[in-house]
Amino acid sequence: MVSRFLALNIELTAKNTDRAVERGDLIIVIDVLRSGTSVINALANGVKAIIPTKTLKEAYKLKRQHPDYVLAGERRGNKPKRFDFGNSPLEFT
């Protein structure tokens, strides 16, 4: 009888991603809880719409075109320069 073992390495942070890539690990990034909660809190507290952007450049362009828009988000856990809010759900209460 042959036993088969699955080696499973679960990390809840982005540590050692270079080694994970070298090993050929499957990497899944899920940011549903934080961003989803932020969106819900923003909408519940009067935001009329959420316009996702792929890049900061795209967000800054929208802000120039619509100065009354509010920029919210994060890069590497920090609020980008010239953004009004980060991505914490508590910022939208």
N, C-alpha and C. Protein backbone atom coordinates (compact mmCIF):
# COMPACT_ATOMS: atom_id res chain seq x y z
N MET A 1 0.85 -1.17 0.00
CA MET A 1 0.00 0.00 0.00
C MET A 1 0.90 1.24 0.00
N VAL A 2 0.60 2.16 -0.90
CA VAL A 2 1.39 3.38 -1.01
C VAL A 2 0.66 4.50 -0.29
N SER A 3 1.35 5.15 0.61
CA SER A 3 0.78 6.31 1.30
C SER A 3 1.16 7.56 0.53
N ARG A 4 0.23 8.43 0.39
CA ARG A 4 0.51 9.71 -0.26
C ARG A 4 0.26 10.82 0.75
N PHE A 5 1.24 11.69 0.86
CA PHE A 5 1.13 12.80 1.80
C PHE A 5 1.12 14.10 1.02
N LEU A 6 0.33 14.99 1.46
CA LEU A 6 0.27 16.31 0.87
C LEU A 6 0.99 17.26 1.80
N ALA A 7 2.04 17.86 1.30
CA ALA A 7 2.76 18.86 2.09
C ALA A 7 2.04 20.19 1.88
N LEU A 8 1.53 20.73 2.92
CA LEU A 8 0.74 21.95 2.84
C LEU A 8 1.38 23.02 3.69
N ASN A 9 1.63 24.15 3.09
CA ASN A 9 2.21 25.27 3.81
C ASN A 9 1.25 26.44 3.66
N ILE A 10 0.61 26.83 4.75
CA ILE A 10 -0.34 27.94 4.72
C ILE A 10 0.26 29.10 5.49
N GLU A 11 0.35 30.24 4.82
CA GLU A 11 0.83 31.46 5.47
C GLU A 11 -0.25 32.52 5.30
N LEU A 12 -0.50 33.26 6.35
CA LEU A 12 -1.52 34.30 6.28
C LEU A 12 -0.94 35.67 6.00
N THR A 13 0.36 35.71 5.75
CA THR A 13 1.01 36.96 5.40
C THR A 13 1.85 36.74 4.15
N ALA A 14 2.42 37.80 3.63
CA ALA A 14 3.19 37.71 2.40
C ALA A 14 4.68 37.53 2.68
N LYS A 15 5.04 36.74 3.68
CA LYS A 15 6.44 36.49 3.97
C LYS A 15 6.99 35.44 3.02
N ASN A 16 8.26 35.58 2.67
CA ASN A 16 8.98 34.59 1.88
C ASN A 16 8.32 34.26 0.54
N THR A 17 7.74 35.25 -0.09
CA THR A 17 7.09 34.99 -1.37
C THR A 17 8.10 34.61 -2.45
N ASP A 18 9.31 35.13 -2.36
CA ASP A 18 10.32 34.77 -3.35
C ASP A 18 10.60 33.27 -3.31
N ARG A 19 10.74 32.72 -2.12
CA ARG A 19 10.99 31.28 -2.00
C ARG A 19 9.78 30.48 -2.46
N ALA A 20 8.58 30.99 -2.18
CA ALA A 20 7.37 30.29 -2.62
C ALA A 20 7.32 30.22 -4.14
N VAL A 21 7.70 31.30 -4.80
CA VAL A 21 7.72 31.32 -6.26
C VAL A 21 8.77 30.34 -6.78
N GLU A 22 9.96 30.34 -6.17
CA GLU A 22 11.02 29.41 -6.59
C GLU A 22 10.57 27.95 -6.46
N ARG A 23 9.82 27.64 -5.40
CA ARG A 23 9.34 26.26 -5.20
C ARG A 23 8.20 25.92 -6.15
N GLY A 24 7.60 26.93 -6.77
CA GLY A 24 6.46 26.69 -7.64
C GLY A 24 5.16 26.54 -6.87
N ASP A 25 5.13 27.12 -5.65
CA ASP A 25 3.93 27.04 -4.83
C ASP A 25 2.77 27.77 -5.50
N LEU A 26 1.59 27.32 -5.21
CA LEU A 26 0.38 28.03 -5.61
C LEU A 26 0.16 29.15 -4.60
N ILE A 27 0.05 30.37 -5.08
CA ILE A 27 -0.11 31.52 -4.20
C ILE A 27 -1.48 32.13 -4.48
N ILE A 28 -2.27 32.27 -3.44
CA ILE A 28 -3.60 32.85 -3.56
C ILE A 28 -3.67 34.04 -2.62
N VAL A 29 -4.10 35.17 -3.14
CA VAL A 29 -4.24 36.38 -2.34
C VAL A 29 -5.72 36.70 -2.23
N ILE A 30 -6.19 36.82 -1.00
CA ILE A 30 -7.59 37.14 -0.76
C ILE A 30 -7.66 38.36 0.15
N ASP A 31 -8.28 39.40 -0.34
CA ASP A 31 -8.44 40.63 0.44
C ASP A 31 -9.91 40.97 0.55
N VAL A 32 -10.73 39.96 0.62
CA VAL A 32 -12.18 40.15 0.59
C VAL A 32 -12.70 40.79 1.86
N LEU A 33 -12.27 40.32 3.00
CA LEU A 33 -12.85 40.80 4.25
C LEU A 33 -12.62 42.28 4.47
N ARG A 34 -11.40 42.72 4.34
CA ARG A 34 -11.08 44.13 4.60
C ARG A 34 -11.67 45.05 3.55
N SER A 35 -11.40 44.78 2.29
CA SER A 35 -11.90 45.69 1.25
C SER A 35 -13.42 45.62 1.15
N GLY A 36 -13.98 44.43 1.26
CA GLY A 36 -15.44 44.30 1.20
C GLY A 36 -16.13 45.03 2.32
N THR A 37 -15.57 44.93 3.51
CA THR A 37 -16.14 45.63 4.66
C THR A 37 -16.00 47.14 4.49
N SER A 38 -14.88 47.57 3.93
CA SER A 38 -14.70 49.01 3.68
C SER A 38 -15.75 49.53 2.70
N VAL A 39 -15.99 48.78 1.63
CA VAL A 39 -17.00 49.18 0.63
C VAL A 39 -18.37 49.26 1.27
N ILE A 40 -18.74 48.25 2.04
CA ILE A 40 -20.06 48.24 2.70
C ILE A 40 -20.19 49.43 3.64
N ASN A 41 -19.16 49.69 4.45
CA ASN A 41 -19.22 50.82 5.38
C ASN A 41 -19.32 52.14 4.64
N ALA A 42 -18.57 52.29 3.56
CA ALA A 42 -18.63 53.53 2.79
C ALA A 42 -20.02 53.75 2.21
N LEU A 43 -20.59 52.72 1.60
CA LEU A 43 -21.93 52.85 1.02
C LEU A 43 -22.99 53.10 2.08
N ALA A 44 -22.86 52.43 3.22
CA ALA A 44 -23.82 52.60 4.31
C ALA A 44 -23.75 54.00 4.92
N ASN A 45 -22.62 54.68 4.72
CA ASN A 45 -22.45 56.01 5.31
C ASN A 45 -22.47 57.12 4.28
N GLY A 46 -23.15 56.88 3.15
CA GLY A 46 -23.42 57.97 2.23
C GLY A 46 -22.65 58.02 0.94
N VAL A 47 -21.66 57.15 0.74
CA VAL A 47 -20.95 57.16 -0.54
C VAL A 47 -21.93 56.72 -1.62
N LYS A 48 -21.97 57.46 -2.72
CA LYS A 48 -22.93 57.16 -3.79
C LYS A 48 -22.48 56.04 -4.70
N ALA A 49 -21.17 55.89 -4.89
CA ALA A 49 -20.67 54.85 -5.79
C ALA A 49 -19.21 54.56 -5.47
N ILE A 50 -18.77 53.37 -5.85
CA ILE A 50 -17.37 52.96 -5.73
C ILE A 50 -16.86 52.75 -7.15
N ILE A 51 -15.75 53.39 -7.48
CA ILE A 51 -15.15 53.21 -8.80
C ILE A 51 -13.77 52.59 -8.60
N PRO A 52 -13.65 51.29 -8.77
CA PRO A 52 -12.33 50.66 -8.61
C PRO A 52 -11.38 51.08 -9.74
N THR A 53 -10.13 51.27 -9.40
CA THR A 53 -9.11 51.55 -10.41
C THR A 53 -7.98 50.54 -10.24
N LYS A 54 -7.31 50.27 -11.32
CA LYS A 54 -6.22 49.30 -11.28
C LYS A 54 -4.91 49.92 -10.81
N THR A 55 -4.72 51.19 -11.12
CA THR A 55 -3.46 51.85 -10.78
C THR A 55 -3.71 53.16 -10.03
N LEU A 56 -2.70 53.62 -9.33
CA LEU A 56 -2.78 54.92 -8.67
C LEU A 56 -2.90 56.02 -9.71
N LYS A 57 -2.19 55.87 -10.82
CA LYS A 57 -2.25 56.86 -11.89
C LYS A 57 -3.69 57.06 -12.37
N GLU A 58 -4.41 55.95 -12.52
CA GLU A 58 -5.81 56.03 -12.95
C GLU A 58 -6.67 56.73 -11.89
N ALA A 59 -6.41 56.46 -10.62
CA ALA A 59 -7.16 57.11 -9.53
C ALA A 59 -6.88 58.61 -9.51
N TYR A 60 -5.61 58.99 -9.66
CA TYR A 60 -5.27 60.42 -9.67
C TYR A 60 -5.90 61.13 -10.86
N LYS A 61 -5.98 60.47 -12.00
CA LYS A 61 -6.61 61.06 -13.19
C LYS A 61 -8.10 61.31 -12.93
N LEU A 62 -8.78 60.33 -12.33
CA LEU A 62 -10.21 60.52 -11.99
C LEU A 62 -10.39 61.69 -11.04
N LYS A 63 -9.49 61.82 -10.07
CA LYS A 63 -9.58 62.91 -9.09
C LYS A 63 -9.40 64.27 -9.79
N ARG A 64 -8.48 64.34 -10.75
CA ARG A 64 -8.29 65.59 -11.49
C ARG A 64 -9.53 65.94 -12.29
N GLN A 65 -10.16 64.91 -12.89
CA GLN A 65 -11.36 65.14 -13.69
C GLN A 65 -12.58 65.45 -12.84
N HIS A 66 -12.60 64.94 -11.62
CA HIS A 66 -13.73 65.11 -10.70
C HIS A 66 -13.20 65.47 -9.31
N PRO A 67 -12.87 66.75 -9.10
CA PRO A 67 -12.26 67.16 -7.84
C PRO A 67 -13.09 66.84 -6.59
N ASP A 68 -14.39 66.65 -6.76
CA ASP A 68 -15.23 66.34 -5.60
C ASP A 68 -15.18 64.85 -5.22
N TYR A 69 -14.56 64.01 -6.05
CA TYR A 69 -14.41 62.59 -5.71
C TYR A 69 -13.46 62.44 -4.53
N VAL A 70 -13.62 61.38 -3.80
CA VAL A 70 -12.76 61.07 -2.67
C VAL A 70 -11.94 59.83 -3.04
N LEU A 71 -10.64 59.89 -2.79
CA LEU A 71 -9.78 58.74 -3.07
C LEU A 71 -9.58 57.93 -1.79
N ALA A 72 -9.74 56.63 -1.91
CA ALA A 72 -9.54 55.73 -0.77
C ALA A 72 -8.87 54.46 -1.27
N GLY A 73 -7.95 53.95 -0.49
CA GLY A 73 -7.29 52.71 -0.87
C GLY A 73 -5.98 52.56 -0.14
N GLU A 74 -5.20 51.57 -0.57
CA GLU A 74 -3.91 51.34 0.06
C GLU A 74 -2.97 50.62 -0.89
N ARG A 75 -1.72 50.79 -0.63
CA ARG A 75 -0.66 50.06 -1.30
C ARG A 75 0.28 49.57 -0.22
N ARG A 76 0.47 48.25 -0.18
CA ARG A 76 1.35 47.63 0.82
C ARG A 76 0.96 48.02 2.24
N GLY A 77 -0.36 48.13 2.46
CA GLY A 77 -0.87 48.42 3.79
C GLY A 77 -0.88 49.88 4.18
N ASN A 78 -0.47 50.77 3.29
CA ASN A 78 -0.41 52.20 3.61
C ASN A 78 -1.28 53.00 2.65
N LYS A 79 -1.82 54.10 3.18
CA LYS A 79 -2.60 55.01 2.35
C LYS A 79 -1.65 55.72 1.39
N PRO A 80 -1.95 55.71 0.09
CA PRO A 80 -1.09 56.41 -0.88
C PRO A 80 -1.12 57.92 -0.67
N LYS A 81 -0.08 58.58 -1.10
CA LYS A 81 -0.02 60.05 -1.03
C LYS A 81 -1.19 60.63 -1.79
N ARG A 82 -1.74 61.72 -1.27
CA ARG A 82 -2.86 62.46 -1.86
C ARG A 82 -4.18 61.71 -1.79
N PHE A 83 -4.23 60.57 -1.12
CA PHE A 83 -5.50 59.87 -0.92
C PHE A 83 -6.17 60.43 0.32
N ASP A 84 -7.49 60.48 0.31
CA ASP A 84 -8.25 61.02 1.44
C ASP A 84 -8.38 60.00 2.58
N PHE A 85 -8.50 58.73 2.21
CA PHE A 85 -8.67 57.66 3.19
C PHE A 85 -7.80 56.46 2.81
N GLY A 86 -7.52 55.64 3.80
CA GLY A 86 -6.86 54.37 3.54
C GLY A 86 -7.91 53.33 3.18
N ASN A 87 -7.68 52.10 3.62
CA ASN A 87 -8.62 51.02 3.30
C ASN A 87 -9.18 50.38 4.55
N SER A 88 -9.11 51.06 5.67
CA SER A 88 -9.66 50.50 6.89
C SER A 88 -11.16 50.73 6.93
N PRO A 89 -11.94 49.69 7.25
CA PRO A 89 -13.38 49.86 7.37
C PRO A 89 -13.76 50.94 8.38
N LEU A 90 -12.93 51.13 9.38
CA LEU A 90 -13.22 52.14 10.42
C LEU A 90 -13.14 53.57 9.88
N GLU A 91 -12.46 53.77 8.77
CA GLU A 91 -12.37 55.12 8.20
C GLU A 91 -13.67 55.57 7.54
N PHE A 92 -14.60 54.65 7.35
CA PHE A 92 -15.83 54.97 6.63
C PHE A 92 -17.06 54.95 7.53
N THR A 93 -16.87 55.14 8.82
CA THR A 93 -18.01 55.16 9.75
C THR A 93 -18.52 56.56 9.95
